[in-house]
Amino acid sequence: MQVNNRVHPSEEQMKGFFETGHDKPIYMLNMLKFKDKAEYADGRETDLSGQQAYALYGAEVAKLLVKHGGAPMFSANVDRLMLGEVEELWDAVAIAMYPSRQAMLDMISSEAYQAIAVHRSAGLAGQLNIETVDPNGMWLAQA
């Protein structure tokens, strides 16, 4: 298995988001790898670590999730690998719920999101985003 962390999705991956007929809630599993030191595209000087820059993004994106009908579900630092093997662990994981793909697209297309995305790009060395769908609906709400 080859694993390639990325900061932005490929064109093919984005095309999947625009497929019709998918209106169920999605849970996006984010596996995050941070830069040691934040690097802003505009060249600004910063003493922030990658994780600190991403935390600025995370605090604001949590508010946007709620505004777009979603919710932050879980986030934590990765401590160790319990099962399997990888060359390098991710630094943190987070799960966000969106009521639909369209809601996620609306959020990431918004001006408010674009204003905070600079912190995401500055802090991330790469990530995996895994879209999940509960085939029976909102099972977490039923628990």
N, C-alpha and C. Protein backbone atom coordinates (compact mmCIF):
# COMPACT_ATOMS: atom_id res chain seq x y z
N MET A 1 0.85 -1.17 0.00
CA MET A 1 0.00 0.00 0.00
C MET A 1 0.89 1.24 0.00
N GLN A 2 0.64 2.11 -0.93
CA GLN A 2 1.38 3.36 -1.00
C GLN A 2 0.50 4.46 -0.42
N VAL A 3 1.06 5.30 0.43
CA VAL A 3 0.34 6.39 1.06
C VAL A 3 1.01 7.70 0.67
N ASN A 4 0.24 8.63 0.12
CA ASN A 4 0.76 9.95 -0.24
C ASN A 4 -0.10 11.01 0.41
N ASN A 5 0.45 11.67 1.41
CA ASN A 5 -0.24 12.80 2.01
C ASN A 5 -0.29 13.95 1.01
N ARG A 6 -1.37 14.69 1.00
CA ARG A 6 -1.53 15.86 0.14
C ARG A 6 -2.16 16.97 0.95
N VAL A 7 -2.04 18.19 0.46
CA VAL A 7 -2.69 19.33 1.09
C VAL A 7 -3.97 19.69 0.33
N HIS A 8 -4.02 19.39 -0.96
CA HIS A 8 -5.20 19.68 -1.78
C HIS A 8 -5.59 18.45 -2.59
N PRO A 9 -6.90 18.25 -2.83
CA PRO A 9 -7.34 17.09 -3.61
C PRO A 9 -6.97 17.21 -5.08
N SER A 10 -6.87 16.07 -5.72
CA SER A 10 -6.62 16.06 -7.17
C SER A 10 -7.90 16.44 -7.90
N GLU A 11 -7.77 16.71 -9.17
CA GLU A 11 -8.93 17.04 -9.99
C GLU A 11 -9.92 15.87 -10.01
N GLU A 12 -9.40 14.66 -10.12
CA GLU A 12 -10.27 13.47 -10.13
C GLU A 12 -11.01 13.31 -8.81
N GLN A 13 -10.34 13.57 -7.70
CA GLN A 13 -10.99 13.47 -6.40
C GLN A 13 -12.10 14.51 -6.25
N MET A 14 -11.87 15.71 -6.74
CA MET A 14 -12.91 16.74 -6.67
C MET A 14 -14.09 16.41 -7.57
N LYS A 15 -13.85 15.78 -8.73
CA LYS A 15 -14.95 15.38 -9.61
C LYS A 15 -15.93 14.48 -8.87
N GLY A 16 -15.42 13.62 -8.00
CA GLY A 16 -16.28 12.73 -7.23
C GLY A 16 -17.25 13.48 -6.33
N PHE A 17 -16.84 14.64 -5.88
CA PHE A 17 -17.72 15.44 -5.04
C PHE A 17 -18.90 16.00 -5.81
N PHE A 18 -18.76 16.16 -7.11
CA PHE A 18 -19.81 16.75 -7.91
C PHE A 18 -20.76 15.73 -8.51
N GLU A 19 -20.54 14.45 -8.21
CA GLU A 19 -21.45 13.42 -8.71
C GLU A 19 -22.84 13.62 -8.10
N THR A 20 -23.85 13.45 -8.90
CA THR A 20 -25.22 13.65 -8.43
C THR A 20 -25.71 12.41 -7.68
N GLY A 21 -26.80 12.59 -6.94
CA GLY A 21 -27.44 11.48 -6.27
C GLY A 21 -26.88 11.15 -4.90
N HIS A 22 -26.03 11.98 -4.36
CA HIS A 22 -25.47 11.72 -3.04
C HIS A 22 -25.87 12.86 -2.11
N ASP A 23 -26.86 12.61 -1.26
CA ASP A 23 -27.31 13.66 -0.36
C ASP A 23 -27.33 13.21 1.09
N LYS A 24 -26.60 12.15 1.41
CA LYS A 24 -26.52 11.67 2.78
C LYS A 24 -25.45 12.43 3.54
N PRO A 25 -25.56 12.43 4.87
CA PRO A 25 -24.48 13.01 5.67
C PRO A 25 -23.17 12.26 5.44
N ILE A 26 -22.08 13.00 5.47
CA ILE A 26 -20.75 12.39 5.36
C ILE A 26 -19.94 12.73 6.60
N TYR A 27 -19.08 11.81 6.95
CA TYR A 27 -18.14 12.00 8.04
C TYR A 27 -16.76 11.97 7.42
N MET A 28 -16.06 13.07 7.49
CA MET A 28 -14.75 13.18 6.87
C MET A 28 -13.68 12.91 7.93
N LEU A 29 -12.96 11.81 7.73
CA LEU A 29 -11.84 11.46 8.60
C LEU A 29 -10.61 12.16 8.05
N ASN A 30 -10.02 13.03 8.84
CA ASN A 30 -8.83 13.79 8.47
C ASN A 30 -7.64 13.23 9.23
N MET A 31 -6.66 12.73 8.51
CA MET A 31 -5.42 12.23 9.12
C MET A 31 -4.35 13.26 8.78
N LEU A 32 -3.87 13.97 9.79
CA LEU A 32 -3.09 15.19 9.61
C LEU A 32 -1.62 15.01 9.92
N LYS A 33 -0.78 15.56 9.05
CA LYS A 33 0.67 15.60 9.25
C LYS A 33 1.08 17.08 9.20
N PHE A 34 1.69 17.56 10.28
CA PHE A 34 2.03 18.98 10.37
C PHE A 34 3.48 19.26 9.98
N LYS A 35 3.70 20.46 9.48
CA LYS A 35 5.06 20.96 9.27
C LYS A 35 5.65 21.27 10.64
N ASP A 36 6.95 21.18 10.76
CA ASP A 36 7.59 21.56 12.03
C ASP A 36 7.34 23.04 12.32
N LYS A 37 7.51 23.86 11.31
CA LYS A 37 7.30 25.30 11.44
C LYS A 37 6.32 25.74 10.36
N ALA A 38 5.36 26.55 10.73
CA ALA A 38 4.36 27.05 9.76
C ALA A 38 5.06 27.84 8.66
N GLU A 39 4.59 27.65 7.44
CA GLU A 39 5.12 28.37 6.27
C GLU A 39 3.96 28.97 5.51
N TYR A 40 3.84 30.29 5.57
CA TYR A 40 2.75 30.98 4.89
C TYR A 40 3.15 31.31 3.46
N ALA A 41 2.21 31.13 2.54
CA ALA A 41 2.46 31.36 1.12
C ALA A 41 2.85 32.81 0.83
N ASP A 42 2.34 33.75 1.65
CA ASP A 42 2.66 35.16 1.43
C ASP A 42 4.02 35.56 2.01
N GLY A 43 4.74 34.59 2.60
CA GLY A 43 6.09 34.85 3.09
C GLY A 43 6.16 35.52 4.45
N ARG A 44 5.03 35.69 5.12
CA ARG A 44 5.06 36.36 6.43
C ARG A 44 5.92 35.60 7.42
N GLU A 45 6.55 36.34 8.30
CA GLU A 45 7.35 35.75 9.37
C GLU A 45 6.41 35.24 10.45
N THR A 46 6.74 34.09 11.01
CA THR A 46 5.93 33.53 12.09
C THR A 46 6.78 32.64 12.97
N ASP A 47 6.42 32.60 14.23
CA ASP A 47 7.04 31.68 15.17
C ASP A 47 6.14 30.48 15.43
N LEU A 48 5.03 30.40 14.70
CA LEU A 48 4.08 29.31 14.91
C LEU A 48 4.62 27.98 14.40
N SER A 49 4.32 26.93 15.12
CA SER A 49 4.57 25.59 14.58
C SER A 49 3.46 25.28 13.57
N GLY A 50 3.64 24.24 12.80
CA GLY A 50 2.59 23.84 11.88
C GLY A 50 1.31 23.50 12.61
N GLN A 51 1.43 22.82 13.74
CA GLN A 51 0.25 22.43 14.52
C GLN A 51 -0.46 23.67 15.07
N GLN A 52 0.28 24.67 15.49
CA GLN A 52 -0.33 25.90 16.00
C GLN A 52 -1.06 26.65 14.89
N ALA A 53 -0.47 26.70 13.70
CA ALA A 53 -1.15 27.36 12.57
C ALA A 53 -2.43 26.61 12.23
N TYR A 54 -2.35 25.29 12.21
CA TYR A 54 -3.54 24.49 11.90
C TYR A 54 -4.60 24.67 12.99
N ALA A 55 -4.20 24.85 14.24
CA ALA A 55 -5.16 25.07 15.32
C ALA A 55 -5.94 26.37 15.11
N LEU A 56 -5.29 27.41 14.55
CA LEU A 56 -6.01 28.65 14.22
C LEU A 56 -7.11 28.36 13.20
N TYR A 57 -6.76 27.58 12.20
CA TYR A 57 -7.72 27.15 11.18
C TYR A 57 -8.83 26.31 11.82
N GLY A 58 -8.45 25.34 12.64
CA GLY A 58 -9.41 24.42 13.24
C GLY A 58 -10.46 25.11 14.10
N ALA A 59 -10.04 26.09 14.87
CA ALA A 59 -10.98 26.81 15.73
C ALA A 59 -12.04 27.53 14.91
N GLU A 60 -11.63 28.11 13.80
CA GLU A 60 -12.58 28.84 12.95
C GLU A 60 -13.42 27.90 12.07
N VAL A 61 -12.81 26.82 11.59
CA VAL A 61 -13.56 25.91 10.74
C VAL A 61 -14.65 25.20 11.55
N ALA A 62 -14.44 24.99 12.84
CA ALA A 62 -15.47 24.39 13.69
C ALA A 62 -16.73 25.26 13.69
N LYS A 63 -16.55 26.57 13.72
CA LYS A 63 -17.69 27.50 13.67
C LYS A 63 -18.39 27.43 12.31
N LEU A 64 -17.59 27.34 11.25
CA LEU A 64 -18.17 27.26 9.91
C LEU A 64 -18.92 25.95 9.69
N LEU A 65 -18.42 24.87 10.26
CA LEU A 65 -19.12 23.59 10.16
C LEU A 65 -20.54 23.73 10.68
N VAL A 66 -20.69 24.32 11.85
CA VAL A 66 -22.01 24.48 12.46
C VAL A 66 -22.88 25.39 11.59
N LYS A 67 -22.30 26.45 11.08
CA LYS A 67 -23.05 27.38 10.22
C LYS A 67 -23.59 26.69 8.98
N HIS A 68 -22.88 25.66 8.50
CA HIS A 68 -23.29 24.94 7.30
C HIS A 68 -23.99 23.62 7.62
N GLY A 69 -24.47 23.48 8.84
CA GLY A 69 -25.27 22.32 9.22
C GLY A 69 -24.47 21.11 9.66
N GLY A 70 -23.16 21.25 9.77
CA GLY A 70 -22.31 20.15 10.18
C GLY A 70 -21.88 20.29 11.63
N ALA A 71 -20.86 19.53 11.98
CA ALA A 71 -20.35 19.59 13.36
C ALA A 71 -18.98 18.96 13.43
N PRO A 72 -18.10 19.53 14.27
CA PRO A 72 -16.86 18.82 14.57
C PRO A 72 -17.23 17.65 15.49
N MET A 73 -16.77 16.45 15.16
CA MET A 73 -17.15 15.27 15.92
C MET A 73 -16.07 14.81 16.89
N PHE A 74 -14.81 14.93 16.47
CA PHE A 74 -13.71 14.38 17.27
C PHE A 74 -12.40 14.91 16.73
N SER A 75 -11.45 15.15 17.64
CA SER A 75 -10.08 15.43 17.23
C SER A 75 -9.14 15.03 18.36
N ALA A 76 -7.97 14.55 17.99
CA ALA A 76 -6.98 14.12 18.99
C ALA A 76 -5.62 13.96 18.33
N ASN A 77 -4.58 14.08 19.13
CA ASN A 77 -3.24 13.80 18.66
C ASN A 77 -3.06 12.28 18.54
N VAL A 78 -2.26 11.86 17.59
CA VAL A 78 -1.94 10.44 17.43
C VAL A 78 -0.83 10.11 18.42
N ASP A 79 -1.03 9.06 19.19
CA ASP A 79 -0.08 8.67 20.22
C ASP A 79 0.84 7.55 19.74
N ARG A 80 0.26 6.51 19.15
CA ARG A 80 1.05 5.38 18.68
C ARG A 80 0.22 4.56 17.72
N LEU A 81 0.86 3.66 17.04
CA LEU A 81 0.19 2.75 16.12
C LEU A 81 -0.13 1.46 16.87
N MET A 82 -1.41 1.11 16.95
CA MET A 82 -1.84 -0.08 17.68
C MET A 82 -1.77 -1.33 16.81
N LEU A 83 -2.04 -1.19 15.51
CA LEU A 83 -2.13 -2.34 14.62
C LEU A 83 -1.67 -1.94 13.23
N GLY A 84 -0.94 -2.80 12.58
CA GLY A 84 -0.48 -2.53 11.22
C GLY A 84 0.88 -1.89 11.22
N GLU A 85 1.29 -1.46 10.04
CA GLU A 85 2.59 -0.83 9.88
C GLU A 85 2.50 0.31 8.87
N VAL A 86 3.11 1.41 9.19
CA VAL A 86 3.29 2.53 8.27
C VAL A 86 4.68 3.07 8.50
N GLU A 87 5.22 3.71 7.49
CA GLU A 87 6.56 4.28 7.64
C GLU A 87 6.60 5.42 8.64
N GLU A 88 5.53 6.22 8.65
CA GLU A 88 5.49 7.38 9.53
C GLU A 88 4.04 7.62 9.94
N LEU A 89 3.82 7.88 11.21
CA LEU A 89 2.47 8.15 11.70
C LEU A 89 2.03 9.57 11.38
N TRP A 90 0.73 9.78 11.34
CA TRP A 90 0.18 11.11 11.26
C TRP A 90 0.29 11.72 12.64
N ASP A 91 0.19 13.04 12.72
CA ASP A 91 0.32 13.74 14.00
C ASP A 91 -1.00 13.83 14.75
N ALA A 92 -2.09 13.92 14.01
CA ALA A 92 -3.41 14.09 14.63
C ALA A 92 -4.48 13.56 13.69
N VAL A 93 -5.66 13.32 14.25
CA VAL A 93 -6.83 12.94 13.46
C VAL A 93 -7.99 13.82 13.88
N ALA A 94 -8.91 14.00 12.96
CA ALA A 94 -10.13 14.75 13.27
C ALA A 94 -11.25 14.18 12.40
N ILE A 95 -12.45 14.22 12.92
CA ILE A 95 -13.63 13.80 12.16
C ILE A 95 -14.61 14.96 12.17
N ALA A 96 -15.06 15.33 10.97
CA ALA A 96 -16.06 16.38 10.81
C ALA A 96 -17.27 15.80 10.11
N MET A 97 -18.46 16.18 10.56
CA MET A 97 -19.70 15.74 9.92
C MET A 97 -20.26 16.89 9.09
N TYR A 98 -20.65 16.54 7.87
CA TYR A 98 -21.33 17.47 6.98
C TYR A 98 -22.67 16.86 6.63
N PRO A 99 -23.75 17.64 6.54
CA PRO A 99 -25.04 17.06 6.21
C PRO A 99 -25.10 16.50 4.78
N SER A 100 -24.17 16.93 3.94
CA SER A 100 -24.09 16.44 2.56
C SER A 100 -22.77 16.89 1.95
N ARG A 101 -22.43 16.31 0.82
CA ARG A 101 -21.25 16.80 0.08
C ARG A 101 -21.44 18.26 -0.30
N GLN A 102 -22.67 18.60 -0.71
CA GLN A 102 -22.94 19.97 -1.13
C GLN A 102 -22.67 20.95 0.01
N ALA A 103 -23.03 20.58 1.22
CA ALA A 103 -22.77 21.46 2.38
C ALA A 103 -21.27 21.66 2.56
N MET A 104 -20.49 20.60 2.36
CA MET A 104 -19.04 20.74 2.48
C MET A 104 -18.50 21.66 1.37
N LEU A 105 -18.99 21.46 0.16
CA LEU A 105 -18.56 22.31 -0.95
C LEU A 105 -18.94 23.77 -0.71
N ASP A 106 -20.14 23.98 -0.20
CA ASP A 106 -20.57 25.35 0.11
C ASP A 106 -19.64 25.99 1.14
N MET A 107 -19.28 25.20 2.16
CA MET A 107 -18.41 25.73 3.20
C MET A 107 -17.03 26.08 2.65
N ILE A 108 -16.41 25.15 1.92
CA ILE A 108 -15.04 25.40 1.46
C ILE A 108 -14.98 26.43 0.33
N SER A 109 -16.14 26.74 -0.25
CA SER A 109 -16.20 27.77 -1.29
C SER A 109 -16.49 29.16 -0.71
N SER A 110 -16.84 29.21 0.56
CA SER A 110 -17.24 30.49 1.15
C SER A 110 -16.04 31.41 1.36
N GLU A 111 -16.32 32.71 1.37
CA GLU A 111 -15.27 33.70 1.63
C GLU A 111 -14.68 33.51 3.02
N ALA A 112 -15.52 33.17 3.98
CA ALA A 112 -15.03 32.98 5.35
C ALA A 112 -14.03 31.84 5.41
N TYR A 113 -14.30 30.75 4.70
CA TYR A 113 -13.37 29.62 4.68
C TYR A 113 -12.08 30.02 3.98
N GLN A 114 -12.18 30.68 2.86
CA GLN A 114 -10.99 31.08 2.11
C GLN A 114 -10.08 31.96 2.96
N ALA A 115 -10.68 32.77 3.83
CA ALA A 115 -9.88 33.66 4.68
C ALA A 115 -9.07 32.89 5.72
N ILE A 116 -9.58 31.74 6.18
CA ILE A 116 -8.85 30.97 7.20
C ILE A 116 -8.01 29.84 6.61
N ALA A 117 -8.24 29.50 5.37
CA ALA A 117 -7.52 28.37 4.75
C ALA A 117 -6.02 28.60 4.68
N VAL A 118 -5.58 29.85 4.76
CA VAL A 118 -4.14 30.14 4.73
C VAL A 118 -3.43 29.46 5.90
N HIS A 119 -4.11 29.35 7.04
CA HIS A 119 -3.51 28.71 8.22
C HIS A 119 -3.42 27.19 8.01
N ARG A 120 -4.40 26.63 7.34
CA ARG A 120 -4.39 25.20 7.02
C ARG A 120 -3.19 24.89 6.13
N SER A 121 -3.04 25.64 5.06
CA SER A 121 -1.93 25.42 4.13
C SER A 121 -0.58 25.68 4.79
N ALA A 122 -0.52 26.67 5.66
CA ALA A 122 0.73 27.00 6.33
C ALA A 122 1.16 25.90 7.30
N GLY A 123 0.20 25.24 7.91
CA GLY A 123 0.50 24.27 8.94
C GLY A 123 0.65 22.83 8.49
N LEU A 124 -0.01 22.47 7.39
CA LEU A 124 -0.03 21.07 6.98
C LEU A 124 1.13 20.71 6.06
N ALA A 125 1.78 19.62 6.40
CA ALA A 125 2.73 19.00 5.47
C ALA A 125 1.94 18.11 4.50
N GLY A 126 0.82 17.61 4.95
CA GLY A 126 -0.06 16.79 4.13
C GLY A 126 -1.10 16.12 4.99
N GLN A 127 -2.06 15.48 4.32
CA GLN A 127 -3.11 14.78 5.05
C GLN A 127 -3.78 13.78 4.13
N LEU A 128 -4.52 12.90 4.75
CA LEU A 128 -5.45 12.03 4.05
C LEU A 128 -6.83 12.43 4.52
N ASN A 129 -7.77 12.58 3.60
CA ASN A 129 -9.17 12.80 3.94
C ASN A 129 -9.93 11.58 3.44
N ILE A 130 -10.62 10.92 4.33
CA ILE A 130 -11.37 9.73 3.97
C ILE A 130 -12.84 10.03 4.20
N GLU A 131 -13.61 10.05 3.11
CA GLU A 131 -15.04 10.31 3.20
C GLU A 131 -15.75 9.02 3.59
N THR A 132 -16.56 9.08 4.64
CA THR A 132 -17.32 7.92 5.07
C THR A 132 -18.79 8.27 5.11
N VAL A 133 -19.62 7.26 4.87
CA VAL A 133 -21.07 7.43 4.89
C VAL A 133 -21.66 6.27 5.66
N ASP A 134 -22.51 6.56 6.62
CA ASP A 134 -23.21 5.51 7.35
C ASP A 134 -24.37 5.04 6.48
N PRO A 135 -24.38 3.77 6.04
CA PRO A 135 -25.44 3.31 5.15
C PRO A 135 -26.82 3.31 5.79
N ASN A 136 -26.90 3.39 7.12
CA ASN A 136 -28.19 3.37 7.81
C ASN A 136 -28.61 4.73 8.32
N GLY A 137 -27.95 5.76 7.88
CA GLY A 137 -28.29 7.10 8.34
C GLY A 137 -27.41 7.54 9.49
N MET A 138 -27.93 8.31 10.36
CA MET A 138 -27.16 8.93 11.45
C MET A 138 -27.09 8.00 12.66
N TRP A 139 -26.33 6.94 12.60
CA TRP A 139 -26.26 5.98 13.70
C TRP A 139 -25.72 6.58 14.98
N LEU A 140 -24.85 7.58 14.89
CA LEU A 140 -24.33 8.21 16.10
C LEU A 140 -25.45 8.87 16.89
N ALA A 141 -26.39 9.48 16.19
CA ALA A 141 -27.50 10.14 16.84
C ALA A 141 -28.44 9.12 17.50
N GLN A 142 -28.41 7.88 17.05
CA GLN A 142 -29.29 6.85 17.58
C GLN A 142 -28.68 6.14 18.79
N ALA A 143 -27.39 6.30 19.00
CA ALA A 143 -26.72 5.58 20.09
C ALA A 143 -27.12 6.08 21.46
